[in-house]
C-alpha atoms as a PDB file:
ATOM      1  CA  LYS A   1      43.402 -51.879  20.075  1.00  0.00           C
ATOM      2  CA  LEU A   2      46.676 -50.751  18.439  1.00  0.00           C
ATOM      3  CA  PHE A   3      50.210 -50.850  19.444  1.00  0.00           C
ATOM      4  CA  SER A   4      52.765 -48.540  17.734  1.00  0.00           C
ATOM      5  CA  ASP A   5      55.744 -49.505  16.148  1.00  0.00           C
ATOM      6  CA  GLY A   6      57.923 -47.370  18.528  1.00  0.00           C
ATOM      7  CA  VAL A   7      57.117 -44.597  20.648  1.00  0.00           C
ATOM      8  CA  LEU A   8      55.308 -41.547  19.216  1.00  0.00           C
ATOM      9  CA  VAL A   9      56.121 -37.804  20.381  1.00  0.00           C
ATOM     10  CA  ILE A  10      52.799 -36.156  20.723  1.00  0.00           C
ATOM     11  CA  GLY A  11      54.147 -32.957  22.672  1.00  0.00           C
ATOM     12  CA  PHE A  12      56.736 -31.490  25.057  1.00  0.00           C
ATOM     13  CA  SER A  13      57.182 -30.258  28.676  1.00  0.00           C
ATOM     14  CA  ASP A  14      57.230 -26.614  29.127  1.00  0.00           C
ATOM     15  CA  GLY A  15      60.447 -24.859  28.847  1.00  0.00           C
ATOM     16  CA  GLU A  16      63.698 -26.077  27.734  1.00  0.00           C
ATOM     17  CA  SER A  17      64.129 -29.854  27.621  1.00  0.00           C
ATOM     18  CA  PRO A  18      66.613 -32.512  26.211  1.00  0.00           C
ATOM     19  CA  ALA A  19      63.920 -33.507  23.649  1.00  0.00           C
ATOM     20  CA  LYS A  20      63.669 -29.996  22.439  1.00  0.00           C
ATOM     21  CA  ASP A  21      67.499 -29.235  22.379  1.00  0.00           C
ATOM     22  CA  CYS A  22      68.208 -32.420  20.345  1.00  0.00           C
ATOM     23  CA  GLY A  23      65.765 -31.453  17.652  1.00  0.00           C
ATOM     24  CA  LEU A  24      62.907 -33.947  18.349  1.00  0.00           C
ATOM     25  CA  LYS A  25      59.750 -32.784  16.875  1.00  0.00           C
ATOM     26  CA  LYS A  26      56.132 -33.534  17.427  1.00  0.00           C
ATOM     27  CA  GLY A  27      55.178 -36.477  15.256  1.00  0.00           C
ATOM     28  CA  ASP A  28      58.532 -38.234  15.463  1.00  0.00           C
ATOM     29  CA  ILE A  29      58.671 -41.838  16.202  1.00  0.00           C
ATOM     30  CA  ILE A  30      61.447 -42.968  18.401  1.00  0.00           C
ATOM     31  CA  THR A  31      62.334 -46.561  17.355  1.00  0.00           C
ATOM     32  CA  ALA A  32      65.530 -47.239  19.323  1.00  0.00           C
ATOM     33  CA  LEU A  33      67.913 -45.914  22.004  1.00  0.00           C
ATOM     34  CA  ASP A  34      71.606 -46.449  21.840  1.00  0.00           C
ATOM     35  CA  GLY A  35      70.678 -49.375  19.420  1.00  0.00           C
ATOM     36  CA  THR A  36      68.186 -50.938  21.665  1.00  0.00           C
ATOM     37  CA  ALA A  37      64.683 -51.333  19.752  1.00  0.00           C
ATOM     38  CA  LEU A  38      61.908 -49.675  21.729  1.00  0.00           C
ATOM     39  CA  ASP A  39      58.392 -50.911  21.646  1.00  0.00           C
ATOM     40  CA  SER A  40      56.848 -49.252  24.591  1.00  0.00           C
ATOM     41  CA  ILE A  41      57.048 -46.181  26.998  1.00  0.00           C
ATOM     42  CA  GLU A  42      58.227 -48.588  29.675  1.00  0.00           C
ATOM     43  CA  ALA A  43      61.106 -49.660  27.591  1.00  0.00           C
ATOM     44  CA  LEU A  44      62.168 -45.988  26.574  1.00  0.00           C
ATOM     45  CA  ARG A  45      62.196 -45.301  30.475  1.00  0.00           C
ATOM     46  CA  ALA A  46      64.226 -48.240  31.377  1.00  0.00           C
ATOM     47  CA  CYS A  47      66.786 -47.341  28.667  1.00  0.00           C
ATOM     48  CA  LEU A  48      66.982 -43.864  29.841  1.00  0.00           C
ATOM     49  CA  ASN A  49      67.772 -44.774  33.486  1.00  0.00           C
ATOM     50  CA  ALA A  50      70.121 -47.475  32.581  1.00  0.00           C
ATOM     51  CA  GLY A  51      72.267 -44.977  30.779  1.00  0.00           C
ATOM     52  CA  GLY A  52      72.690 -42.948  34.047  1.00  0.00           C
ATOM     53  CA  GLY A  53      72.211 -39.510  32.203  1.00  0.00           C
ATOM     54  CA  SER A  54      74.958 -40.177  29.593  1.00  0.00           C
ATOM     55  CA  ASP A  55      74.171 -38.922  26.181  1.00  0.00           C
ATOM     56  CA  ALA A  56      71.819 -41.161  24.302  1.00  0.00           C
ATOM     57  CA  ALA A  57      71.530 -41.811  20.467  1.00  0.00           C
ATOM     58  CA  LEU A  58      67.966 -41.719  19.643  1.00  0.00           C
ATOM     59  CA  THR A  59      66.796 -43.521  16.341  1.00  0.00           C
ATOM     60  CA  VAL A  60      63.907 -41.366  15.013  1.00  0.00           C
ATOM     61  CA  LYS A  61      61.369 -42.145  12.026  1.00  0.00           C
ATOM     62  CA  ARG A  62      60.253 -38.750  10.549  1.00  0.00           C
ATOM     63  CA  GLY A  63      58.026 -39.373   7.702  1.00  0.00           C
ATOM     64  CA  SER A  64      59.956 -41.342   5.200  1.00  0.00           C
ATOM     65  CA  ARG A  65      63.309 -40.619   6.813  1.00  0.00           C
ATOM     66  CA  THR A  66      65.303 -42.251   9.605  1.00  0.00           C
ATOM     67  CA  LEU A  67      67.299 -39.800  11.798  1.00  0.00           C
ATOM     68  CA  THR A  68      69.862 -40.284  14.532  1.00  0.00           C
ATOM     69  CA  LEU A  69      69.579 -37.486  17.221  1.00  0.00           C
ATOM     70  CA  GLU A  70      71.922 -36.993  20.276  1.00  0.00           C
ATOM     71  CA  ALA A  71      69.970 -36.204  23.556  1.00  0.00           C
ATOM     72  CA  SER A  72      71.207 -35.394  27.184  1.00  0.00           C
ATOM     73  CA  PRO A  73      68.692 -36.933  29.455  1.00  0.00           C
ATOM     74  CA  GLN A  74      68.069 -34.978  32.848  1.00  0.00           C
ATOM     75  CA  GLN A  75      66.889 -36.088  36.191  1.00  0.00           C
ATOM     76  CA  ASP A  76      63.646 -35.128  37.437  1.00  0.00           C
ATOM     77  CA  VAL A  77      62.805 -34.512  41.057  1.00  0.00           C
ATOM     78  CA  GLY A  78      62.110 -38.251  41.727  1.00  0.00           C
ATOM     79  CA  GLY A  79      65.710 -39.238  40.423  1.00  0.00           C
ATOM     80  CA  GLU A  80      64.525 -40.638  36.848  1.00  0.00           C
ATOM     81  CA  TYR A  81      66.145 -39.514  33.867  1.00  0.00           C
ATOM     82  CA  ARG A  82      63.826 -37.837  31.242  1.00  0.00           C
ATOM     83  CA  LEU A  83      63.604 -36.369  27.912  1.00  0.00           C
ATOM     84  CA  GLY A  84      61.008 -33.936  28.732  1.00  0.00           C
ATOM     85  CA  ALA A  85      58.793 -35.361  25.727  1.00  0.00           C
ATOM     86  CA  TRP A  86      55.138 -36.629  26.152  1.00  0.00           C
ATOM     87  CA  VAL A  87      54.849 -39.754  24.429  1.00  0.00           C
ATOM     88  CA  ARG A  88      52.380 -42.604  23.226  1.00  0.00           C
ATOM     89  CA  ASP A  89      52.442 -46.105  22.298  1.00  0.00           C
ATOM     90  CA  SER A  90      49.052 -47.527  22.128  1.00  0.00           C
ATOM     91  CA  MET A  91      45.343 -46.626  21.606  1.00  0.00           C
ATOM     92  CA  ALA A  92      41.975 -48.227  21.517  1.00  0.00           C
ATOM     93  CA  GLY A  93      38.609 -47.161  20.249  1.00  0.00           C
ATOM     94  CA  ILE A  94      35.276 -48.273  18.686  1.00  0.00           C
ATOM     95  CA  GLY A  95      34.640 -48.778  14.974  1.00  0.00           C
ATOM     96  CA  THR A  96      33.067 -50.994  12.477  1.00  0.00           C
ATOM     97  CA  MET A  97      34.528 -54.226  10.599  1.00  0.00           C
ATOM     98  CA  THR A  98      33.738 -53.759   6.798  1.00  0.00           C
ATOM     99  CA  PHE A  99      34.369 -57.072   5.596  1.00  0.00           C
ATOM    100  CA  TYR A 100      35.728 -60.547   6.099  1.00  0.00           C
ATOM    101  CA  ASP A 101      36.972 -62.811   3.353  1.00  0.00           C
ATOM    102  CA  PRO A 102      36.119 -66.368   3.982  1.00  0.00           C
ATOM    103  CA  LYS A 103      38.779 -67.538   1.351  1.00  0.00           C
ATOM    104  CA  SER A 104      41.681 -65.591   2.894  1.00  0.00           C
ATOM    105  CA  GLY A 105      40.724 -64.954   6.422  1.00  0.00           C
ATOM    106  CA  ALA A 106      41.567 -61.425   5.866  1.00  0.00           C
ATOM    107  CA  PHE A 107      39.222 -58.532   7.141  1.00  0.00           C
ATOM    108  CA  GLY A 108      39.265 -54.765   6.829  1.00  0.00           C
ATOM    109  CA  ALA A 109      37.674 -52.190   9.104  1.00  0.00           C
ATOM    110  CA  LEU A 110      37.001 -48.485   9.803  1.00  0.00           C
ATOM    111  CA  GLY A 111      37.500 -47.509   6.038  1.00  0.00           C
ATOM    112  CA  HIS A 112      40.071 -44.923   7.277  1.00  0.00           C
ATOM    113  CA  GLY A 113      43.277 -45.254   9.054  1.00  0.00           C
ATOM    114  CA  ILE A 114      43.785 -44.533  12.838  1.00  0.00           C
ATOM    115  CA  ASN A 115      45.618 -41.300  13.268  1.00  0.00           C
ATOM    116  CA  ASP A 116      47.016 -40.150  16.593  1.00  0.00           C
ATOM    117  CA  ILE A 117      44.637 -37.495  18.150  1.00  0.00           C
ATOM    118  CA  ASP A 118      47.590 -35.338  19.134  1.00  0.00           C
ATOM    119  CA  THR A 119      49.502 -35.136  15.914  1.00  0.00           C
ATOM    120  CA  GLY A 120      46.921 -35.990  13.272  1.00  0.00           C
ATOM    121  CA  LEU A 121      49.337 -38.613  11.758  1.00  0.00           C
ATOM    122  CA  LEU A 122      48.817 -42.023  10.796  1.00  0.00           C
ATOM    123  CA  VAL A 123      49.981 -44.410  13.559  1.00  0.00           C
ATOM    124  CA  PRO A 124      52.652 -47.078  12.318  1.00  0.00           C
ATOM    125  CA  ILE A 125      51.344 -50.485  13.772  1.00  0.00           C
ATOM    126  CA  ARG A 126      53.458 -53.093  15.475  1.00  0.00           C
ATOM    127  CA  SER A 127      50.761 -55.250  16.787  1.00  0.00           C
ATOM    128  CA  GLY A 128      46.927 -55.008  17.638  1.00  0.00           C
ATOM    129  CA  GLY A 129      43.855 -56.854  17.715  1.00  0.00           C
ATOM    130  CA  ILE A 130      40.017 -56.519  17.564  1.00  0.00           C
ATOM    131  CA  MET A 131      37.431 -57.651  20.179  1.00  0.00           C
ATOM    132  CA  SER A 132      33.851 -58.336  20.315  1.00  0.00           C
ATOM    133  CA  SER A 133      31.577 -55.245  21.456  1.00  0.00           C
ATOM    134  CA  SER A 134      28.123 -54.162  22.487  1.00  0.00           C
ATOM    135  CA  VAL A 135      26.871 -50.819  21.749  1.00  0.00           C
ATOM    136  CA  SER A 136      25.535 -49.661  25.261  1.00  0.00           C
ATOM    137  CA  ALA A 137      24.651 -45.907  24.114  1.00  0.00           C
ATOM    138  CA  VAL A 138      24.243 -43.423  21.179  1.00  0.00           C
ATOM    139  CA  ILE A 139      24.779 -39.751  21.308  1.00  0.00           C
ATOM    140  CA  LYS A 140      22.788 -38.394  18.334  1.00  0.00           C
ATOM    141  CA  GLY A 141      24.743 -36.284  15.743  1.00  0.00           C
ATOM    142  CA  GLN A 142      23.545 -32.713  15.371  1.00  0.00           C
ATOM    143  CA  LYS A 143      24.852 -29.914  13.130  1.00  0.00           C
ATOM    144  CA  SER A 144      28.460 -29.207  13.975  1.00  0.00           C
ATOM    145  CA  GLN A 145      28.479 -32.006  16.713  1.00  0.00           C
ATOM    146  CA  PRO A 146      29.010 -35.400  15.530  1.00  0.00           C
ATOM    147  CA  GLY A 147      27.411 -38.035  17.328  1.00  0.00           C
ATOM    148  CA  GLN A 148      28.945 -41.155  18.731  1.00  0.00           C
ATOM    149  CA  LEU A 149      28.498 -44.636  19.689  1.00  0.00           C
ATOM    150  CA  HIS A 150      29.400 -45.709  23.371  1.00  0.00           C
ATOM    151  CA  GLY A 151      30.103 -49.462  23.948  1.00  0.00           C
ATOM    152  CA  THR A 152      31.606 -52.192  26.041  1.00  0.00           C
ATOM    153  CA  PHE A 153      34.457 -54.296  24.927  1.00  0.00           C
ATOM    154  CA  ASP A 154      35.022 -58.312  25.701  1.00  0.00           C
ATOM    155  CA  LEU A 155      38.487 -57.973  27.152  1.00  0.00           C
ATOM    156  CA  THR A 156      38.911 -61.641  27.702  1.00  0.00           C
ATOM    157  CA  HIS A 157      40.190 -62.515  24.086  1.00  0.00           C
ATOM    158  CA  ASP A 158      40.947 -60.965  20.635  1.00  0.00           C
ATOM    159  CA  ILE A 159      38.727 -62.362  17.871  1.00  0.00           C
ATOM    160  CA  GLY A 160      41.434 -61.229  15.302  1.00  0.00           C
ATOM    161  CA  THR A 161      44.960 -59.607  14.761  1.00  0.00           C
ATOM    162  CA  LEU A 162      45.720 -56.413  12.994  1.00  0.00           C
ATOM    163  CA  SER A 163      48.628 -56.491  10.595  1.00  0.00           C
ATOM    164  CA  ALA A 164      48.319 -52.894   8.979  1.00  0.00           C
ATOM    165  CA  ASN A 165      46.936 -49.529   9.609  1.00  0.00           C
ATOM    166  CA  SER A 166      46.701 -47.611   6.215  1.00  0.00           C
ATOM    167  CA  ASP A 167      44.790 -44.617   4.868  1.00  0.00           C
ATOM    168  CA  CYS A 168      41.898 -46.876   3.629  1.00  0.00           C
ATOM    169  CA  GLY A 169      41.493 -48.606   7.112  1.00  0.00           C
ATOM    170  CA  VAL A 170      42.867 -51.405   9.223  1.00  0.00           C
ATOM    171  CA  LEU A 171      43.616 -54.865   8.008  1.00  0.00           C
ATOM    172  CA  GLY A 172      43.957 -58.011   9.583  1.00  0.00           C
ATOM    173  CA  SER A 173      43.116 -61.621   9.718  1.00  0.00           C
ATOM    174  CA  ALA A 174      40.606 -63.925  11.906  1.00  0.00           C
ATOM    175  CA  GLN A 175      39.305 -67.310  12.082  1.00  0.00           C
ATOM    176  CA  PRO A 176      36.183 -68.137   9.840  1.00  0.00           C
ATOM    177  CA  GLU A 177      34.077 -69.411  12.999  1.00  0.00           C
ATOM    178  CA  VAL A 178      34.046 -65.941  14.408  1.00  0.00           C
ATOM    179  CA  PHE A 179      32.090 -64.736  11.205  1.00  0.00           C
ATOM    180  CA  PRO A 180      29.487 -66.846   9.900  1.00  0.00           C
ATOM    181  CA  GLY A 181      27.294 -65.889   7.240  1.00  0.00           C
ATOM    182  CA  GLU A 182      27.124 -65.843   3.379  1.00  0.00           C
ATOM    183  CA  ALA A 183      29.689 -64.091   1.297  1.00  0.00           C
ATOM    184  CA  VAL A 184      28.827 -61.132  -0.833  1.00  0.00           C
ATOM    185  CA  PRO A 185      30.280 -60.271  -4.176  1.00  0.00           C
ATOM    186  CA  VAL A 186      32.290 -57.224  -4.592  1.00  0.00           C
ATOM    187  CA  ALA A 187      31.084 -54.406  -7.191  1.00  0.00           C
ATOM    188  CA  LYS A 188      33.418 -53.151  -9.869  1.00  0.00           C
ATOM    189  CA  ARG A 189      33.865 -49.473  -9.468  1.00  0.00           C
ATOM    190  CA  SER A 190      32.182 -48.988 -12.814  1.00  0.00           C
ATOM    191  CA  ALA A 191      29.163 -50.607 -11.567  1.00  0.00           C
ATOM    192  CA  VAL A 192      28.428 -48.256  -8.689  1.00  0.00           C
ATOM    193  CA  ARG A 193      25.768 -45.609  -9.485  1.00  0.00           C
ATOM    194  CA  THR A 194      23.969 -43.020  -7.743  1.00  0.00           C
ATOM    195  CA  GLY A 195      20.745 -43.955  -6.220  1.00  0.00           C
ATOM    196  CA  ALA A 196      19.443 -46.461  -3.554  1.00  0.00           C
ATOM    197  CA  ALA A 197      21.927 -48.576  -1.360  1.00  0.00           C
ATOM    198  CA  VAL A 198      22.124 -50.171   1.963  1.00  0.00           C
ATOM    199  CA  ILE A 199      24.190 -49.773   4.944  1.00  0.00           C
ATOM    200  CA  ARG A 200      24.882 -52.579   7.473  1.00  0.00           C
ATOM    201  CA  CYS A 201      25.663 -51.437  10.947  1.00  0.00           C
ATOM    202  CA  ASN A 202      25.449 -51.960  14.742  1.00  0.00           C
ATOM    203  CA  VAL A 203      23.929 -49.287  16.820  1.00  0.00           C
ATOM    204  CA  ASP A 204      22.147 -51.349  19.413  1.00  0.00           C
ATOM    205  CA  GLY A 205      23.712 -54.168  21.516  1.00  0.00           C
ATOM    206  CA  GLU A 206      25.364 -56.620  19.272  1.00  0.00           C
ATOM    207  CA  GLU A 207      22.617 -56.510  16.426  1.00  0.00           C
ATOM    208  CA  VAL A 208      23.668 -55.758  12.890  1.00  0.00           C
ATOM    209  CA  GLU A 209      20.920 -54.315  10.901  1.00  0.00           C
ATOM    210  CA  GLU A 210      20.222 -53.093   7.299  1.00  0.00           C
ATOM    211  CA  TYR A 211      19.326 -49.367   6.777  1.00  0.00           C
ATOM    212  CA  SER A 212      18.386 -47.620   3.520  1.00  0.00           C
ATOM    213  CA  VAL A 213      20.606 -44.725   2.278  1.00  0.00           C
ATOM    214  CA  GLU A 214      20.856 -42.868  -1.400  1.00  0.00           C
ATOM    215  CA  ILE A 215      24.382 -42.388  -3.057  1.00  0.00           C
ATOM    216  CA  LEU A 216      24.050 -39.059  -4.286  1.00  0.00           C
ATOM    217  CA  ARG A 217      27.391 -38.569  -5.951  1.00  0.00           C
ATOM    218  CA  ILE A 218      30.244 -40.374  -7.257  1.00  0.00           C
ATOM    219  CA  TYR A 219      33.755 -38.777  -7.129  1.00  0.00           C
ATOM    220  CA  PRO A 220      36.275 -39.069  -9.826  1.00  0.00           C
ATOM    221  CA  GLU A 221      39.230 -41.730  -9.207  1.00  0.00           C
ATOM    222  CA  LEU A 222      41.904 -38.830  -8.787  1.00  0.00           C
ATOM    223  CA  GLY A 223      40.311 -37.294  -5.657  1.00  0.00           C
ATOM    224  CA  ASP A 224      40.572 -38.391  -2.344  1.00  0.00           C
ATOM    225  CA  HIS A 225      40.742 -41.900  -2.193  1.00  0.00           C
ATOM    226  CA  THR A 226      39.055 -42.247   1.147  1.00  0.00           C
ATOM    227  CA  ARG A 227      36.185 -40.417   0.018  1.00  0.00           C
ATOM    228  CA  ASN A 228      34.964 -41.703  -3.320  1.00  0.00           C
ATOM    229  CA  LEU A 229      31.151 -41.175  -2.961  1.00  0.00           C
ATOM    230  CA  LEU A 230      28.448 -39.033  -1.136  1.00  0.00           C
ATOM    231  CA  LEU A 231      25.585 -40.729   0.683  1.00  0.00           C
ATOM    232  CA  GLN A 232      22.623 -39.772   2.584  1.00  0.00           C
ATOM    233  CA  VAL A 233      20.819 -41.753   5.194  1.00  0.00           C
ATOM    234  CA  ASN A 234      17.146 -41.654   4.771  1.00  0.00           C
ATOM    235  CA  ASP A 235      15.934 -44.474   6.925  1.00  0.00           C
ATOM    236  CA  LYS A 236      13.774 -43.162   9.737  1.00  0.00           C
ATOM    237  CA  ARG A 237      14.693 -45.764  12.075  1.00  0.00           C
ATOM    238  CA  LEU A 238      18.394 -44.786  11.793  1.00  0.00           C
ATOM    239  CA  LEU A 239      17.669 -41.117  11.696  1.00  0.00           C
ATOM    240  CA  GLU A 240      15.598 -41.416  14.980  1.00  0.00           C
ATOM    241  CA  GLN A 241      18.067 -43.483  16.713  1.00  0.00           C
ATOM    242  CA  THR A 242      21.468 -41.654  15.612  1.00  0.00           C
ATOM    243  CA  GLY A 243      20.514 -38.624  13.712  1.00  0.00           C
ATOM    244  CA  GLY A 244      22.513 -40.123  10.848  1.00  0.00           C
ATOM    245  CA  ILE A 245      26.207 -40.895  10.798  1.00  0.00           C
ATOM    246  CA  VAL A 246      28.066 -41.045  14.108  1.00  0.00           C
ATOM    247  CA  GLN A 247      31.698 -41.729  15.366  1.00  0.00           C
ATOM    248  CA  GLY A 248      31.855 -45.752  15.658  1.00  0.00           C
ATOM    249  CA  MET A 249      29.961 -46.182  12.273  1.00  0.00           C
ATOM    250  CA  SER A 250      33.244 -45.823  10.558  1.00  0.00           C
ATOM    251  CA  GLY A 251      33.584 -49.081   8.447  1.00  0.00           C
ATOM    252  CA  SER A 252      29.910 -49.849   7.984  1.00  0.00           C
ATOM    253  CA  PRO A 253      29.568 -51.564   4.721  1.00  0.00           C
ATOM    254  CA  ILE A 254      27.558 -50.073   1.888  1.00  0.00           C
ATOM    255  CA  LEU A 255      25.739 -52.538  -0.381  1.00  0.00           C
ATOM    256  CA  GLN A 256      24.117 -51.857  -3.770  1.00  0.00           C
ATOM    257  CA  ASP A 257      22.126 -54.424  -5.541  1.00  0.00           C
ATOM    258  CA  GLY A 258      23.620 -56.946  -3.103  1.00  0.00           C
ATOM    259  CA  LYS A 259      27.267 -56.266  -3.828  1.00  0.00           C
ATOM    260  CA  LEU A 260      29.789 -54.529  -1.554  1.00  0.00           C
ATOM    261  CA  VAL A 261      30.575 -51.011  -2.953  1.00  0.00           C
ATOM    262  CA  GLY A 262      32.087 -49.108  -0.047  1.00  0.00           C
ATOM    263  CA  ALA A 263      32.197 -48.242   3.498  1.00  0.00           C
ATOM    264  CA  VAL A 264      31.030 -45.348   5.496  1.00  0.00           C
ATOM    265  CA  THR A 265      34.382 -43.235   6.470  1.00  0.00           C
ATOM    266  CA  HIS A 266      33.257 -39.721   7.570  1.00  0.00           C
ATOM    267  CA  VAL A 267      30.364 -37.659   8.372  1.00  0.00           C
ATOM    268  CA  LEU A 268      29.738 -34.036   7.150  1.00  0.00           C
ATOM    269  CA  LEU A 269      30.011 -31.762  10.280  1.00  0.00           C
ATOM    270  CA  ASN A 270      27.003 -29.459   8.734  1.00  0.00           C
ATOM    271  CA  ASP A 271      24.668 -32.271   8.102  1.00  0.00           C
ATOM    272  CA  PRO A 272      25.029 -35.534  10.039  1.00  0.00           C
ATOM    273  CA  THR A 273      22.740 -37.250   7.600  1.00  0.00           C
ATOM    274  CA  ARG A 274      25.424 -37.265   4.916  1.00  0.00           C
ATOM    275  CA  GLY A 275      28.695 -38.913   4.823  1.00  0.00           C
END
């Protein structure tokens, strides 16, 4: 689960609105109103109503820039002051942890960043956590229709905290007792080759199992740094259960010769056996 650093603008109400008039854009992040830092939608609403309709100075992050926009909130039919913008401050989903480092307590998951579903932009993180989950159902992947894992979460407590949301995945820390097991070495890039490998993933209950795959191609370093290799699932057990790679398997570690070489990050839409 992820809480954004500020309030993310994901759209606007129909017609004219204070948000449109002041120059707000989809993908902007409102971090403060009249100098008061915002960390939730509730905080934004409280600040707007406290202002009583007077002009408000919005501090906005737009990419690498920080802007100040002047907005004139308007009352809705219920008497609350609004900007006329749809906003989001949190999200949650199911994914897979890639590694846990027993020396530092650090972990990485997903292998790709968490992007907002409406804007497509990487969500800046204020705080977040990871929870235990159990896979309860699988929708098999088909050509042009990626499958997905359905799961239930243990909402009673977090087992780790998030500290970063990057293009290469989410990062955080956790206590060692949460992840028992033996550490594995990490391969150098030069040691990774085409050929047989395995992925470790959880597609049923809480069990992590190992499945055979083949690394078909290794891409040059100058390419997309989240898509370094092409792999194909050839394990009949996994193909029968999921059809290949499905949503929720992102982050599943790839091992070759007993060494960590990467993580599953994407599925090819025209061939769910490849990613």
